[in-house]
Amino acid sequence: MTLEDGVLTIQGERKAGEGRDRKKVPSGRALLWPLRPELTLPDLVDEEKVKAEFKDGVLNLQLPKSEMAKPKAIEVKVG
């Protein structure tokens, strides 16, 4: 996975013998989403804190908001 200029690109590699049907699984590099291998992230995402985890065949992405994107409470004085 790479993240450059707000664009997240996801690629995967499958080794021979992995998967449900071991005889039909080709080996080598492949894009996981052949039609859309790139995702443009919104400006609100803090790119320095992006995390990814691949577990049990599922890719989980954490895309936290930047501090500037979070709402701030403003005190209103009534006088």
C-alpha atoms as a PDB file:
ATOM      1  CA  MET A   1       0.000   0.000   0.000  1.00  0.00           C
ATOM      2  CA  THR A   2       1.302   3.445  -0.833  1.00  0.00           C
ATOM      3  CA  LEU A   3      -0.025   6.896   0.051  1.00  0.00           C
ATOM      4  CA  GLU A   4       1.223   9.809  -2.009  1.00  0.00           C
ATOM      5  CA  ASP A   5      -0.362  13.234  -2.497  1.00  0.00           C
ATOM      6  CA  GLY A   6      -3.667  12.075  -1.020  1.00  0.00           C
ATOM      7  CA  VAL A   7      -3.945   9.007  -3.286  1.00  0.00           C
ATOM      8  CA  LEU A   8      -3.996   5.561  -1.661  1.00  0.00           C
ATOM      9  CA  THR A   9      -2.859   2.720  -3.953  1.00  0.00           C
ATOM     10  CA  ILE A  10      -3.396  -0.879  -2.889  1.00  0.00           C
ATOM     11  CA  GLN A  11      -1.531  -3.783  -4.477  1.00  0.00           C
ATOM     12  CA  GLY A  12      -1.283  -7.382  -3.372  1.00  0.00           C
ATOM     13  CA  GLU A  13       0.816 -10.426  -3.999  1.00  0.00           C
ATOM     14  CA  ARG A  14      -0.458 -13.972  -3.811  1.00  0.00           C
ATOM     15  CA  LYS A  15       1.923 -16.888  -3.483  1.00  0.00           C
ATOM     16  CA  ALA A  16       1.251 -20.199  -5.215  1.00  0.00           C
ATOM     17  CA  GLY A  17      -0.708 -22.572  -3.025  1.00  0.00           C
ATOM     18  CA  GLU A  18      -2.682 -19.903  -1.166  1.00  0.00           C
ATOM     19  CA  GLY A  19      -6.434 -19.535  -1.343  1.00  0.00           C
ATOM     20  CA  ARG A  20      -9.446 -21.807  -1.399  1.00  0.00           C
ATOM     21  CA  ASP A  21      -8.581 -23.813  -4.506  1.00  0.00           C
ATOM     22  CA  ARG A  22      -4.808 -24.225  -4.419  1.00  0.00           C
ATOM     23  CA  LYS A  23      -4.595 -25.621  -7.965  1.00  0.00           C
ATOM     24  CA  LYS A  24      -6.258 -22.594  -9.590  1.00  0.00           C
ATOM     25  CA  VAL A  25      -4.410 -19.845  -7.697  1.00  0.00           C
ATOM     26  CA  PRO A  26      -1.786 -18.144  -9.860  1.00  0.00           C
ATOM     27  CA  SER A  27       1.281 -16.681  -8.222  1.00  0.00           C
ATOM     28  CA  GLY A  28       2.708 -13.206  -8.693  1.00  0.00           C
ATOM     29  CA  ARG A  29       1.758  -9.572  -8.204  1.00  0.00           C
ATOM     30  CA  ALA A  30      -1.721  -8.360  -8.928  1.00  0.00           C
ATOM     31  CA  LEU A  31      -3.829  -5.322  -8.278  1.00  0.00           C
ATOM     32  CA  LEU A  32      -6.561  -6.144  -5.818  1.00  0.00           C
ATOM     33  CA  TRP A  33      -8.995  -3.846  -7.622  1.00  0.00           C
ATOM     34  CA  PRO A  34      -8.109  -4.023 -11.306  1.00  0.00           C
ATOM     35  CA  LEU A  35     -10.656  -1.361 -12.215  1.00  0.00           C
ATOM     36  CA  ARG A  36      -9.818   1.037  -9.342  1.00  0.00           C
ATOM     37  CA  PRO A  37      -6.441   0.430  -7.753  1.00  0.00           C
ATOM     38  CA  GLU A  38      -6.315   4.019  -6.449  1.00  0.00           C
ATOM     39  CA  LEU A  39      -8.487   5.832  -3.913  1.00  0.00           C
ATOM     40  CA  THR A  40      -8.352   9.593  -3.496  1.00  0.00           C
ATOM     41  CA  LEU A  41      -8.614  10.438   0.187  1.00  0.00           C
ATOM     42  CA  PRO A  42     -10.508  13.511   1.396  1.00  0.00           C
ATOM     43  CA  ASP A  43      -8.467  16.464   2.648  1.00  0.00           C
ATOM     44  CA  LEU A  44      -9.838  15.823   6.148  1.00  0.00           C
ATOM     45  CA  VAL A  45      -7.708  12.652   6.548  1.00  0.00           C
ATOM     46  CA  ASP A  46      -4.476  12.923   8.562  1.00  0.00           C
ATOM     47  CA  GLU A  47      -2.106  11.100   6.189  1.00  0.00           C
ATOM     48  CA  GLU A  48       0.543  10.691   8.903  1.00  0.00           C
ATOM     49  CA  LYS A  49      -1.836   8.548  11.006  1.00  0.00           C
ATOM     50  CA  VAL A  50      -3.292   6.228   8.333  1.00  0.00           C
ATOM     51  CA  LYS A  51      -3.077   2.566   9.392  1.00  0.00           C
ATOM     52  CA  ALA A  52      -3.892  -0.719   7.665  1.00  0.00           C
ATOM     53  CA  GLU A  53      -4.343  -4.289   8.886  1.00  0.00           C
ATOM     54  CA  PHE A  54      -4.951  -7.416   6.809  1.00  0.00           C
ATOM     55  CA  LYS A  55      -6.501 -10.235   8.839  1.00  0.00           C
ATOM     56  CA  ASP A  56      -8.578 -13.268   7.831  1.00  0.00           C
ATOM     57  CA  GLY A  57      -8.830 -12.068   4.238  1.00  0.00           C
ATOM     58  CA  VAL A  58     -10.135  -8.606   5.173  1.00  0.00           C
ATOM     59  CA  LEU A  59      -8.222  -5.341   4.735  1.00  0.00           C
ATOM     60  CA  ASN A  60      -9.128  -2.803   7.437  1.00  0.00           C
ATOM     61  CA  LEU A  61      -8.092   0.806   6.963  1.00  0.00           C
ATOM     62  CA  GLN A  62      -8.053   3.474   9.670  1.00  0.00           C
ATOM     63  CA  LEU A  63      -8.317   6.967   8.213  1.00  0.00           C
ATOM     64  CA  PRO A  64      -8.364   9.390  11.166  1.00  0.00           C
ATOM     65  CA  LYS A  65      -9.441  12.997  10.740  1.00  0.00           C
ATOM     66  CA  SER A  66      -6.850  15.719  11.036  1.00  0.00           C
ATOM     67  CA  GLU A  67      -7.026  18.033  14.037  1.00  0.00           C
ATOM     68  CA  MET A  68      -8.100  20.895  11.774  1.00  0.00           C
ATOM     69  CA  ALA A  69     -11.114  18.879  10.586  1.00  0.00           C
ATOM     70  CA  LYS A  70     -12.430  18.150  14.076  1.00  0.00           C
ATOM     71  CA  PRO A  71     -15.122  20.487  15.421  1.00  0.00           C
ATOM     72  CA  LYS A  72     -14.064  22.947  18.099  1.00  0.00           C
ATOM     73  CA  ALA A  73     -16.232  24.186  20.925  1.00  0.00           C
ATOM     74  CA  ILE A  74     -16.501  27.949  21.179  1.00  0.00           C
ATOM     75  CA  GLU A  75     -17.550  29.489  24.459  1.00  0.00           C
ATOM     76  CA  VAL A  76     -20.280  32.100  24.163  1.00  0.00           C
ATOM     77  CA  LYS A  77     -20.380  34.690  26.912  1.00  0.00           C
ATOM     78  CA  VAL A  78     -23.771  36.034  27.840  1.00  0.00           C
ATOM     79  CA  GLY A  79     -23.571  39.349  29.497  1.00  0.00           C
END
